[in-house]
């Protein structure tokens, strides 16, 4: 990795582009699909206007947090796993009745192509959870108007997540391809599932190991890098804020351990990083060269 020539604050205010790193023989790549703006006090209800006066570096020109939308491609030899599938080819305007600003997707298949992969080459799609900004492309019809985009892939969902969500609109169509997975299960070479409720009933993180390093793809356990320093701030979309905050404290401590990298799918343009000290508390230290 090289030192960024871009001021780090700028990276906090823009969506991520394609980014890759190697864990031994395993390559992991962020696969961009789009982005969503979050109204900061609505997304993180534990914050105040004073919080964002002190931390304007996290806010774009409209005063919103910027969250990337996309997936994580894991490649080992000729094999490929995709974790989450972005929002899909949709866009939504800012809605004052919701915590969100503008939201859009649509780039994921082009991003995969830029990484040298087609949907037919993905052997499995694993979901951190079944919110629409993580299942978007998986619920789209295939190119012939039938089936799904990832027609050859198993769709891997934790047992409690599937039990809680299977009947919801847009998700039931996945049923023929869903294979449920359990805590600790290896789903791909060097990739294990761990169930971390709090955001949803069966929210999953994925621990990817290789070359003496582990990467924790923590899904929506964290939505913004500012939560690394303030794990007590739960997102408005966490169904159990107290449980989510308890897990976040443990996760931040784990991310600070030697040989550990984090992947935050919503972390603006700082999706890969480590946790280090910044004064008295922990802080997200991004990897990548801007």
C-alpha atoms as a PDB file:
ATOM      1  CA  UNK A   1       0.000   0.000   0.000  1.00  0.00           C
ATOM      2  CA  UNK A   2       1.132   3.529  -0.664  1.00  0.00           C
ATOM      3  CA  UNK A   3       0.516   6.702   1.272  1.00  0.00           C
ATOM      4  CA  UNK A   4      -2.450   8.649  -0.068  1.00  0.00           C
ATOM      5  CA  UNK A   5      -1.729  11.875  -1.956  1.00  0.00           C
ATOM      6  CA  UNK A   6      -5.339  12.883  -1.308  1.00  0.00           C
ATOM      7  CA  UNK A   7      -6.152  14.650   1.952  1.00  0.00           C
ATOM      8  CA  UNK A   8      -7.818  11.946   4.088  1.00  0.00           C
ATOM      9  CA  UNK A   9     -10.802  14.190   4.837  1.00  0.00           C
ATOM     10  CA  UNK A  10     -11.712  14.211   1.144  1.00  0.00           C
ATOM     11  CA  UNK A  11     -11.937  10.437   1.154  1.00  0.00           C
ATOM     12  CA  UNK A  12     -14.484  10.605   3.984  1.00  0.00           C
ATOM     13  CA  UNK A  13     -16.801  12.664   1.782  1.00  0.00           C
ATOM     14  CA  UNK A  14     -16.869  10.630  -1.427  1.00  0.00           C
ATOM     15  CA  UNK A  15     -17.951   7.092  -2.408  1.00  0.00           C
ATOM     16  CA  UNK A  16     -15.264   4.456  -2.846  1.00  0.00           C
ATOM     17  CA  UNK A  17     -13.903   3.319  -6.174  1.00  0.00           C
ATOM     18  CA  UNK A  18     -12.431  -0.069  -7.002  1.00  0.00           C
ATOM     19  CA  UNK A  19      -9.931  -1.141  -4.353  1.00  0.00           C
ATOM     20  CA  UNK A  20      -8.083  -4.425  -3.899  1.00  0.00           C
ATOM     21  CA  UNK A  21      -5.604  -6.021  -1.535  1.00  0.00           C
ATOM     22  CA  UNK A  22      -4.027  -9.446  -1.120  1.00  0.00           C
ATOM     23  CA  UNK A  23      -4.150 -11.750   1.873  1.00  0.00           C
ATOM     24  CA  UNK A  24      -1.555 -14.296   0.873  1.00  0.00           C
ATOM     25  CA  UNK A  25      -3.044 -16.119  -2.140  1.00  0.00           C
ATOM     26  CA  UNK A  26      -6.484 -14.564  -1.649  1.00  0.00           C
ATOM     27  CA  UNK A  27      -7.450 -11.318  -3.356  1.00  0.00           C
ATOM     28  CA  UNK A  28     -10.224  -9.162  -1.898  1.00  0.00           C
ATOM     29  CA  UNK A  29     -11.727  -6.255  -3.837  1.00  0.00           C
ATOM     30  CA  UNK A  30     -14.339  -3.655  -3.087  1.00  0.00           C
ATOM     31  CA  UNK A  31     -16.918  -3.734  -5.908  1.00  0.00           C
ATOM     32  CA  UNK A  32     -18.660  -0.347  -6.168  1.00  0.00           C
ATOM     33  CA  UNK A  33     -22.366  -0.117  -6.966  1.00  0.00           C
ATOM     34  CA  UNK A  34     -23.382   3.365  -5.799  1.00  0.00           C
ATOM     35  CA  UNK A  35     -23.863   5.461  -2.690  1.00  0.00           C
ATOM     36  CA  UNK A  36     -26.380   6.841  -0.214  1.00  0.00           C
ATOM     37  CA  UNK A  37     -26.365  10.042   1.774  1.00  0.00           C
ATOM     38  CA  UNK A  38     -27.314   9.901   5.431  1.00  0.00           C
ATOM     39  CA  UNK A  39     -28.564  12.840   7.444  1.00  0.00           C
ATOM     40  CA  UNK A  40     -26.024  12.638  10.271  1.00  0.00           C
ATOM     41  CA  UNK A  41     -28.273  13.256  13.268  1.00  0.00           C
ATOM     42  CA  UNK A  42     -30.920  10.917  11.849  1.00  0.00           C
ATOM     43  CA  UNK A  43     -28.508   8.122  10.902  1.00  0.00           C
ATOM     44  CA  UNK A  44     -26.706   8.279  14.234  1.00  0.00           C
ATOM     45  CA  UNK A  45     -29.355   9.460  16.734  1.00  0.00           C
ATOM     46  CA  UNK A  46     -26.864   9.518  19.598  1.00  0.00           C
ATOM     47  CA  UNK A  47     -25.103  12.470  17.998  1.00  0.00           C
ATOM     48  CA  UNK A  48     -25.988  16.172  18.227  1.00  0.00           C
ATOM     49  CA  UNK A  49     -25.462  19.214  16.050  1.00  0.00           C
ATOM     50  CA  UNK A  50     -22.420  19.939  18.202  1.00  0.00           C
ATOM     51  CA  UNK A  51     -20.934  16.558  17.206  1.00  0.00           C
ATOM     52  CA  UNK A  52     -20.934  17.498  13.556  1.00  0.00           C
ATOM     53  CA  UNK A  53     -19.707  21.028  14.217  1.00  0.00           C
ATOM     54  CA  UNK A  54     -16.616  19.391  15.716  1.00  0.00           C
ATOM     55  CA  UNK A  55     -16.386  16.761  12.943  1.00  0.00           C
ATOM     56  CA  UNK A  56     -17.279  18.459   9.651  1.00  0.00           C
ATOM     57  CA  UNK A  57     -14.732  16.258   7.858  1.00  0.00           C
ATOM     58  CA  UNK A  58     -17.340  13.489   7.642  1.00  0.00           C
ATOM     59  CA  UNK A  59     -19.965  15.606   5.857  1.00  0.00           C
ATOM     60  CA  UNK A  60     -20.322  16.362   2.159  1.00  0.00           C
ATOM     61  CA  UNK A  61     -21.276  19.749   0.717  1.00  0.00           C
ATOM     62  CA  UNK A  62     -24.942  19.106   1.517  1.00  0.00           C
ATOM     63  CA  UNK A  63     -24.169  18.294   5.162  1.00  0.00           C
ATOM     64  CA  UNK A  64     -24.715  14.525   4.797  1.00  0.00           C
ATOM     65  CA  UNK A  65     -22.665  11.477   5.603  1.00  0.00           C
ATOM     66  CA  UNK A  66     -21.605   9.556   2.491  1.00  0.00           C
ATOM     67  CA  UNK A  67     -22.005   5.781   2.554  1.00  0.00           C
ATOM     68  CA  UNK A  68     -20.728   3.591  -0.248  1.00  0.00           C
ATOM     69  CA  UNK A  69     -22.939   0.799  -1.591  1.00  0.00           C
ATOM     70  CA  UNK A  70     -21.416  -2.310  -3.133  1.00  0.00           C
ATOM     71  CA  UNK A  71     -19.939  -5.700  -2.378  1.00  0.00           C
ATOM     72  CA  UNK A  72     -16.706  -7.520  -1.597  1.00  0.00           C
ATOM     73  CA  UNK A  73     -15.239  -9.900  -4.174  1.00  0.00           C
ATOM     74  CA  UNK A  74     -13.107 -12.689  -2.715  1.00  0.00           C
ATOM     75  CA  UNK A  75     -10.939 -14.580  -5.217  1.00  0.00           C
ATOM     76  CA  UNK A  76      -8.863 -17.660  -4.538  1.00  0.00           C
ATOM     77  CA  UNK A  77      -7.313 -19.115  -7.665  1.00  0.00           C
ATOM     78  CA  UNK A  78     -10.080 -19.494 -10.248  1.00  0.00           C
ATOM     79  CA  UNK A  79     -12.798 -19.399  -7.610  1.00  0.00           C
ATOM     80  CA  UNK A  80     -14.862 -16.327  -6.697  1.00  0.00           C
ATOM     81  CA  UNK A  81     -17.221 -15.422  -3.851  1.00  0.00           C
ATOM     82  CA  UNK A  82     -19.210 -12.190  -3.700  1.00  0.00           C
ATOM     83  CA  UNK A  83     -20.282 -10.792  -0.324  1.00  0.00           C
ATOM     84  CA  UNK A  84     -23.363  -8.555  -0.733  1.00  0.00           C
ATOM     85  CA  UNK A  85     -24.666  -7.238  -4.050  1.00  0.00           C
ATOM     86  CA  UNK A  86     -25.269  -3.526  -3.579  1.00  0.00           C
ATOM     87  CA  UNK A  87     -28.498  -1.623  -4.176  1.00  0.00           C
ATOM     88  CA  UNK A  88     -29.045  -2.556  -7.808  1.00  0.00           C
ATOM     89  CA  UNK A  89     -30.026  -0.406 -10.804  1.00  0.00           C
ATOM     90  CA  UNK A  90     -32.245   2.011  -8.904  1.00  0.00           C
ATOM     91  CA  UNK A  91     -32.142   5.562  -7.631  1.00  0.00           C
ATOM     92  CA  UNK A  92     -34.128   7.388  -4.975  1.00  0.00           C
ATOM     93  CA  UNK A  93     -34.249  11.135  -4.381  1.00  0.00           C
ATOM     94  CA  UNK A  94     -33.643  12.636  -0.977  1.00  0.00           C
ATOM     95  CA  UNK A  95     -36.713  12.135   1.200  1.00  0.00           C
ATOM     96  CA  UNK A  96     -37.237  14.398   4.212  1.00  0.00           C
ATOM     97  CA  UNK A  97     -39.501  11.730   5.720  1.00  0.00           C
ATOM     98  CA  UNK A  98     -36.571   9.294   5.994  1.00  0.00           C
ATOM     99  CA  UNK A  99     -33.036   9.491   7.434  1.00  0.00           C
ATOM    100  CA  UNK A 100     -31.654   9.322   3.896  1.00  0.00           C
ATOM    101  CA  UNK A 101     -30.572  11.795   1.289  1.00  0.00           C
ATOM    102  CA  UNK A 102     -30.184  10.693  -2.315  1.00  0.00           C
ATOM    103  CA  UNK A 103     -29.476   7.002  -2.976  1.00  0.00           C
ATOM    104  CA  UNK A 104     -28.389   5.246  -6.142  1.00  0.00           C
ATOM    105  CA  UNK A 105     -26.888   2.012  -7.425  1.00  0.00           C
ATOM    106  CA  UNK A 106     -26.260   0.341 -10.750  1.00  0.00           C
ATOM    107  CA  UNK A 107     -22.496   0.024 -11.195  1.00  0.00           C
ATOM    108  CA  UNK A 108     -21.825  -3.371  -9.611  1.00  0.00           C
ATOM    109  CA  UNK A 109     -21.839  -5.518 -12.776  1.00  0.00           C
ATOM    110  CA  UNK A 110     -19.573  -3.044 -14.555  1.00  0.00           C
ATOM    111  CA  UNK A 111     -17.310  -3.030 -11.503  1.00  0.00           C
ATOM    112  CA  UNK A 112     -17.147  -6.824 -11.551  1.00  0.00           C
ATOM    113  CA  UNK A 113     -16.250  -6.704 -15.252  1.00  0.00           C
ATOM    114  CA  UNK A 114     -13.451  -4.243 -14.502  1.00  0.00           C
ATOM    115  CA  UNK A 115     -12.122  -6.824 -12.041  1.00  0.00           C
ATOM    116  CA  UNK A 116     -12.275  -9.499 -14.750  1.00  0.00           C
ATOM    117  CA  UNK A 117     -15.346 -11.332 -13.460  1.00  0.00           C
ATOM    118  CA  UNK A 118     -18.804 -11.981 -14.890  1.00  0.00           C
ATOM    119  CA  UNK A 119     -21.849 -12.985 -12.796  1.00  0.00           C
ATOM    120  CA  UNK A 120     -21.582 -16.507 -14.207  1.00  0.00           C
ATOM    121  CA  UNK A 121     -18.152 -16.873 -12.595  1.00  0.00           C
ATOM    122  CA  UNK A 122     -19.446 -16.215  -9.077  1.00  0.00           C
ATOM    123  CA  UNK A 123     -19.867 -19.572  -7.350  1.00  0.00           C
ATOM    124  CA  UNK A 124     -21.611 -18.158  -4.272  1.00  0.00           C
ATOM    125  CA  UNK A 125     -23.133 -14.907  -3.079  1.00  0.00           C
ATOM    126  CA  UNK A 126     -23.038 -14.450   0.700  1.00  0.00           C
ATOM    127  CA  UNK A 127     -25.171 -11.821   2.409  1.00  0.00           C
ATOM    128  CA  UNK A 128     -24.278  -9.954   5.561  1.00  0.00           C
ATOM    129  CA  UNK A 129     -28.044  -9.439   5.885  1.00  0.00           C
ATOM    130  CA  UNK A 130     -31.083  -8.985   3.685  1.00  0.00           C
ATOM    131  CA  UNK A 131     -31.630  -5.235   3.598  1.00  0.00           C
ATOM    132  CA  UNK A 132     -32.210  -3.968   0.035  1.00  0.00           C
ATOM    133  CA  UNK A 133     -28.907  -2.090  -0.188  1.00  0.00           C
ATOM    134  CA  UNK A 134     -27.166  -5.473   0.201  1.00  0.00           C
ATOM    135  CA  UNK A 135     -29.420  -7.675  -1.945  1.00  0.00           C
ATOM    136  CA  UNK A 136     -30.128  -5.329  -4.869  1.00  0.00           C
ATOM    137  CA  UNK A 137     -28.554  -7.159  -7.791  1.00  0.00           C
ATOM    138  CA  UNK A 138     -29.412 -10.597  -6.428  1.00  0.00           C
ATOM    139  CA  UNK A 139     -33.122  -9.776  -6.725  1.00  0.00           C
ATOM    140  CA  UNK A 140     -32.860  -8.573 -10.323  1.00  0.00           C
ATOM    141  CA  UNK A 141     -33.931 -10.849 -13.213  1.00  0.00           C
ATOM    142  CA  UNK A 142     -31.211 -12.371 -15.316  1.00  0.00           C
ATOM    143  CA  UNK A 143     -30.310 -11.096 -18.802  1.00  0.00           C
ATOM    144  CA  UNK A 144     -32.969 -13.288 -20.429  1.00  0.00           C
ATOM    145  CA  UNK A 145     -35.644 -11.807 -18.159  1.00  0.00           C
ATOM    146  CA  UNK A 146     -35.880 -15.008 -16.144  1.00  0.00           C
ATOM    147  CA  UNK A 147     -33.939 -16.406 -13.216  1.00  0.00           C
ATOM    148  CA  UNK A 148     -31.491 -14.182 -11.370  1.00  0.00           C
ATOM    149  CA  UNK A 149     -28.326 -12.268 -12.229  1.00  0.00           C
ATOM    150  CA  UNK A 150     -26.151 -14.741 -10.307  1.00  0.00           C
ATOM    151  CA  UNK A 151     -27.900 -17.769 -11.743  1.00  0.00           C
ATOM    152  CA  UNK A 152     -25.092 -20.259 -11.029  1.00  0.00           C
ATOM    153  CA  UNK A 153     -24.419 -19.119  -7.487  1.00  0.00           C
ATOM    154  CA  UNK A 154     -25.615 -20.452  -4.171  1.00  0.00           C
ATOM    155  CA  UNK A 155     -27.112 -17.598  -2.146  1.00  0.00           C
ATOM    156  CA  UNK A 156     -25.811 -17.929   1.412  1.00  0.00           C
ATOM    157  CA  UNK A 157     -27.822 -16.493   4.299  1.00  0.00           C
ATOM    158  CA  UNK A 158     -27.509 -17.189   8.022  1.00  0.00           C
ATOM    159  CA  UNK A 159     -30.258 -19.378   9.441  1.00  0.00           C
ATOM    160  CA  UNK A 160     -31.702 -16.710  11.799  1.00  0.00           C
ATOM    161  CA  UNK A 161     -31.627 -14.039   9.078  1.00  0.00           C
ATOM    162  CA  UNK A 162     -33.515 -16.260   6.648  1.00  0.00           C
ATOM    163  CA  UNK A 163     -36.029 -17.304   9.299  1.00  0.00           C
ATOM    164  CA  UNK A 164     -36.772 -13.650  10.090  1.00  0.00           C
ATOM    165  CA  UNK A 165     -36.811 -12.304   6.535  1.00  0.00           C
ATOM    166  CA  UNK A 166     -37.727 -15.034   4.030  1.00  0.00           C
ATOM    167  CA  UNK A 167     -41.350 -13.963   3.644  1.00  0.00           C
ATOM    168  CA  UNK A 168     -40.662 -10.291   2.901  1.00  0.00           C
ATOM    169  CA  UNK A 169     -41.424  -8.789  -0.491  1.00  0.00           C
ATOM    170  CA  UNK A 170     -38.525  -9.096  -2.890  1.00  0.00           C
ATOM    171  CA  UNK A 171     -36.729 -11.655  -0.753  1.00  0.00           C
ATOM    172  CA  UNK A 172     -39.010 -14.663  -1.227  1.00  0.00           C
ATOM    173  CA  UNK A 173     -37.885 -14.901  -4.852  1.00  0.00           C
ATOM    174  CA  UNK A 174     -34.405 -15.870  -3.638  1.00  0.00           C
ATOM    175  CA  UNK A 175     -35.713 -18.996  -1.913  1.00  0.00           C
ATOM    176  CA  UNK A 176     -34.893 -21.510  -4.676  1.00  0.00           C
ATOM    177  CA  UNK A 177     -31.215 -20.530  -4.513  1.00  0.00           C
ATOM    178  CA  UNK A 178     -30.812 -19.883  -0.786  1.00  0.00           C
ATOM    179  CA  UNK A 179     -28.615 -22.150   1.288  1.00  0.00           C
ATOM    180  CA  UNK A 180     -28.598 -21.300   4.983  1.00  0.00           C
ATOM    181  CA  UNK A 181     -25.309 -21.204   6.863  1.00  0.00           C
ATOM    182  CA  UNK A 182     -24.378 -21.378  10.524  1.00  0.00           C
ATOM    183  CA  UNK A 183     -22.055 -19.546  12.877  1.00  0.00           C
ATOM    184  CA  UNK A 184     -18.420 -20.520  12.318  1.00  0.00           C
ATOM    185  CA  UNK A 185     -19.063 -22.281   9.009  1.00  0.00           C
ATOM    186  CA  UNK A 186     -16.377 -22.060   6.315  1.00  0.00           C
ATOM    187  CA  UNK A 187     -18.136 -21.042   3.097  1.00  0.00           C
ATOM    188  CA  UNK A 188     -15.095 -20.520   0.835  1.00  0.00           C
ATOM    189  CA  UNK A 189     -11.370 -21.166   1.263  1.00  0.00           C
ATOM    190  CA  UNK A 190     -10.300 -19.080   4.247  1.00  0.00           C
ATOM    191  CA  UNK A 191     -13.734 -17.450   4.729  1.00  0.00           C
ATOM    192  CA  UNK A 192     -15.829 -18.112   7.836  1.00  0.00           C
ATOM    193  CA  UNK A 193     -19.212 -16.753   8.876  1.00  0.00           C
ATOM    194  CA  UNK A 194     -19.913 -15.353  12.287  1.00  0.00           C
ATOM    195  CA  UNK A 195     -23.362 -14.274  13.375  1.00  0.00           C
ATOM    196  CA  UNK A 196     -23.468 -10.912  15.137  1.00  0.00           C
ATOM    197  CA  UNK A 197     -27.039  -9.875  15.831  1.00  0.00           C
ATOM    198  CA  UNK A 198     -27.893  -6.299  16.640  1.00  0.00           C
ATOM    199  CA  UNK A 199     -28.252  -4.776  13.208  1.00  0.00           C
ATOM    200  CA  UNK A 200     -30.654  -7.520  12.120  1.00  0.00           C
ATOM    201  CA  UNK A 201     -31.699 -10.797  13.734  1.00  0.00           C
ATOM    202  CA  UNK A 202     -29.085 -12.823  11.866  1.00  0.00           C
ATOM    203  CA  UNK A 203     -26.565 -10.252  10.692  1.00  0.00           C
ATOM    204  CA  UNK A 204     -23.294 -11.858   9.592  1.00  0.00           C
ATOM    205  CA  UNK A 205     -19.699 -10.798   9.497  1.00  0.00           C
ATOM    206  CA  UNK A 206     -17.111 -12.670   7.434  1.00  0.00           C
ATOM    207  CA  UNK A 207     -13.603 -13.404   8.644  1.00  0.00           C
ATOM    208  CA  UNK A 208     -11.214 -13.892   5.723  1.00  0.00           C
ATOM    209  CA  UNK A 209      -7.770 -15.295   6.519  1.00  0.00           C
ATOM    210  CA  UNK A 210      -4.657 -15.561   4.381  1.00  0.00           C
ATOM    211  CA  UNK A 211      -0.952 -14.813   4.430  1.00  0.00           C
ATOM    212  CA  UNK A 212      -0.890 -14.471   8.203  1.00  0.00           C
ATOM    213  CA  UNK A 213      -3.508 -11.676   8.089  1.00  0.00           C
ATOM    214  CA  UNK A 214      -7.219 -11.714   8.754  1.00  0.00           C
ATOM    215  CA  UNK A 215      -9.749  -9.337   7.301  1.00  0.00           C
ATOM    216  CA  UNK A 216     -13.060  -8.821   9.091  1.00  0.00           C
ATOM    217  CA  UNK A 217     -15.793  -7.801   6.658  1.00  0.00           C
ATOM    218  CA  UNK A 218     -18.137  -6.416   9.278  1.00  0.00           C
ATOM    219  CA  UNK A 219     -21.153  -5.490   7.158  1.00  0.00           C
ATOM    220  CA  UNK A 220     -23.465  -3.087   8.958  1.00  0.00           C
ATOM    221  CA  UNK A 221     -21.980  -3.572  12.411  1.00  0.00           C
ATOM    222  CA  UNK A 222     -20.483  -0.151  11.672  1.00  0.00           C
ATOM    223  CA  UNK A 223     -21.923   2.380   9.238  1.00  0.00           C
ATOM    224  CA  UNK A 224     -19.387   5.216   9.532  1.00  0.00           C
ATOM    225  CA  UNK A 225     -15.729   5.469  10.566  1.00  0.00           C
ATOM    226  CA  UNK A 226     -16.732   7.905  13.311  1.00  0.00           C
ATOM    227  CA  UNK A 227     -18.342   4.976  15.163  1.00  0.00           C
ATOM    228  CA  UNK A 228     -14.903   3.423  15.680  1.00  0.00           C
ATOM    229  CA  UNK A 229     -14.187   6.207  18.164  1.00  0.00           C
ATOM    230  CA  UNK A 230     -17.800   6.164  19.413  1.00  0.00           C
ATOM    231  CA  UNK A 231     -19.114   2.591  19.341  1.00  0.00           C
ATOM    232  CA  UNK A 232     -21.952   3.642  21.646  1.00  0.00           C
ATOM    233  CA  UNK A 233     -23.569   5.463  18.685  1.00  0.00           C
ATOM    234  CA  UNK A 234     -25.923   2.983  17.031  1.00  0.00           C
ATOM    235  CA  UNK A 235     -27.405   3.525  13.592  1.00  0.00           C
ATOM    236  CA  UNK A 236     -31.092   4.258  13.222  1.00  0.00           C
ATOM    237  CA  UNK A 237     -31.379   1.059  11.166  1.00  0.00           C
ATOM    238  CA  UNK A 238     -30.081  -1.211  13.970  1.00  0.00           C
ATOM    239  CA  UNK A 239     -33.039  -3.272  15.162  1.00  0.00           C
ATOM    240  CA  UNK A 240     -31.451  -3.761  18.615  1.00  0.00           C
ATOM    241  CA  UNK A 241     -29.327  -0.662  19.326  1.00  0.00           C
ATOM    242  CA  UNK A 242     -28.049  -1.831  22.716  1.00  0.00           C
ATOM    243  CA  UNK A 243     -26.934  -5.218  21.402  1.00  0.00           C
ATOM    244  CA  UNK A 244     -25.411  -3.546  18.366  1.00  0.00           C
ATOM    245  CA  UNK A 245     -23.397  -1.150  20.546  1.00  0.00           C
ATOM    246  CA  UNK A 246     -22.166  -3.985  22.776  1.00  0.00           C
ATOM    247  CA  UNK A 247     -20.945  -5.892  19.742  1.00  0.00           C
ATOM    248  CA  UNK A 248     -19.354  -2.790  18.235  1.00  0.00           C
ATOM    249  CA  UNK A 249     -17.210  -2.262  21.334  1.00  0.00           C
ATOM    250  CA  UNK A 250     -15.865  -5.807  21.053  1.00  0.00           C
ATOM    251  CA  UNK A 251     -15.400  -5.471  17.295  1.00  0.00           C
ATOM    252  CA  UNK A 252     -13.389  -2.257  17.578  1.00  0.00           C
ATOM    253  CA  UNK A 253     -11.094  -3.899  20.128  1.00  0.00           C
ATOM    254  CA  UNK A 254     -10.661  -6.895  17.815  1.00  0.00           C
ATOM    255  CA  UNK A 255      -9.870  -4.685  14.823  1.00  0.00           C
ATOM    256  CA  UNK A 256      -7.042  -3.137  16.849  1.00  0.00           C
ATOM    257  CA  UNK A 257      -5.312  -6.516  17.247  1.00  0.00           C
ATOM    258  CA  UNK A 258      -2.112  -7.181  15.271  1.00  0.00           C
ATOM    259  CA  UNK A 259      -2.508  -8.693  11.826  1.00  0.00           C
ATOM    260  CA  UNK A 260      -6.119  -7.539  11.500  1.00  0.00           C
ATOM    261  CA  UNK A 261      -7.718  -5.439   8.752  1.00  0.00           C
ATOM    262  CA  UNK A 262     -11.324  -4.270   8.584  1.00  0.00           C
ATOM    263  CA  UNK A 263     -13.650  -3.874   5.636  1.00  0.00           C
ATOM    264  CA  UNK A 264     -16.547  -1.457   6.016  1.00  0.00           C
ATOM    265  CA  UNK A 265     -18.836  -1.650   3.004  1.00  0.00           C
ATOM    266  CA  UNK A 266     -20.438   1.724   3.846  1.00  0.00           C
ATOM    267  CA  UNK A 267     -17.206   3.515   4.844  1.00  0.00           C
ATOM    268  CA  UNK A 268     -17.167   6.210   2.131  1.00  0.00           C
ATOM    269  CA  UNK A 269     -13.817   5.935   0.302  1.00  0.00           C
ATOM    270  CA  UNK A 270     -11.996   4.370   3.255  1.00  0.00           C
ATOM    271  CA  UNK A 271     -13.490   0.865   3.047  1.00  0.00           C
ATOM    272  CA  UNK A 272     -10.276  -0.969   3.984  1.00  0.00           C
ATOM    273  CA  UNK A 273      -8.476   0.044   7.149  1.00  0.00           C
ATOM    274  CA  UNK A 274      -7.044  -0.733  10.545  1.00  0.00           C
ATOM    275  CA  UNK A 275      -7.933   0.523  14.003  1.00  0.00           C
ATOM    276  CA  UNK A 276      -5.218   2.447  15.789  1.00  0.00           C
ATOM    277  CA  UNK A 277      -4.981   5.057  18.519  1.00  0.00           C
ATOM    278  CA  UNK A 278      -5.783   8.703  17.935  1.00  0.00           C
ATOM    279  CA  UNK A 279      -5.112  10.493  21.197  1.00  0.00           C
ATOM    280  CA  UNK A 280      -7.034   8.788  24.007  1.00  0.00           C
ATOM    281  CA  UNK A 281      -9.284   6.658  21.794  1.00  0.00           C
ATOM    282  CA  UNK A 282      -9.340   4.333  18.793  1.00  0.00           C
ATOM    283  CA  UNK A 283      -9.643   5.619  15.232  1.00  0.00           C
ATOM    284  CA  UNK A 284     -10.000   4.235  11.731  1.00  0.00           C
ATOM    285  CA  UNK A 285      -6.772   4.369   9.730  1.00  0.00           C
ATOM    286  CA  UNK A 286      -7.582   3.788   6.046  1.00  0.00           C
ATOM    287  CA  UNK A 287      -5.504   1.730   3.640  1.00  0.00           C
ATOM    288  CA  UNK A 288      -5.202   2.576  -0.014  1.00  0.00           C
ATOM    289  CA  UNK A 289      -3.763   5.255  -2.208  1.00  0.00           C
ATOM    290  CA  UNK A 290      -6.707   7.548  -2.873  1.00  0.00           C
END
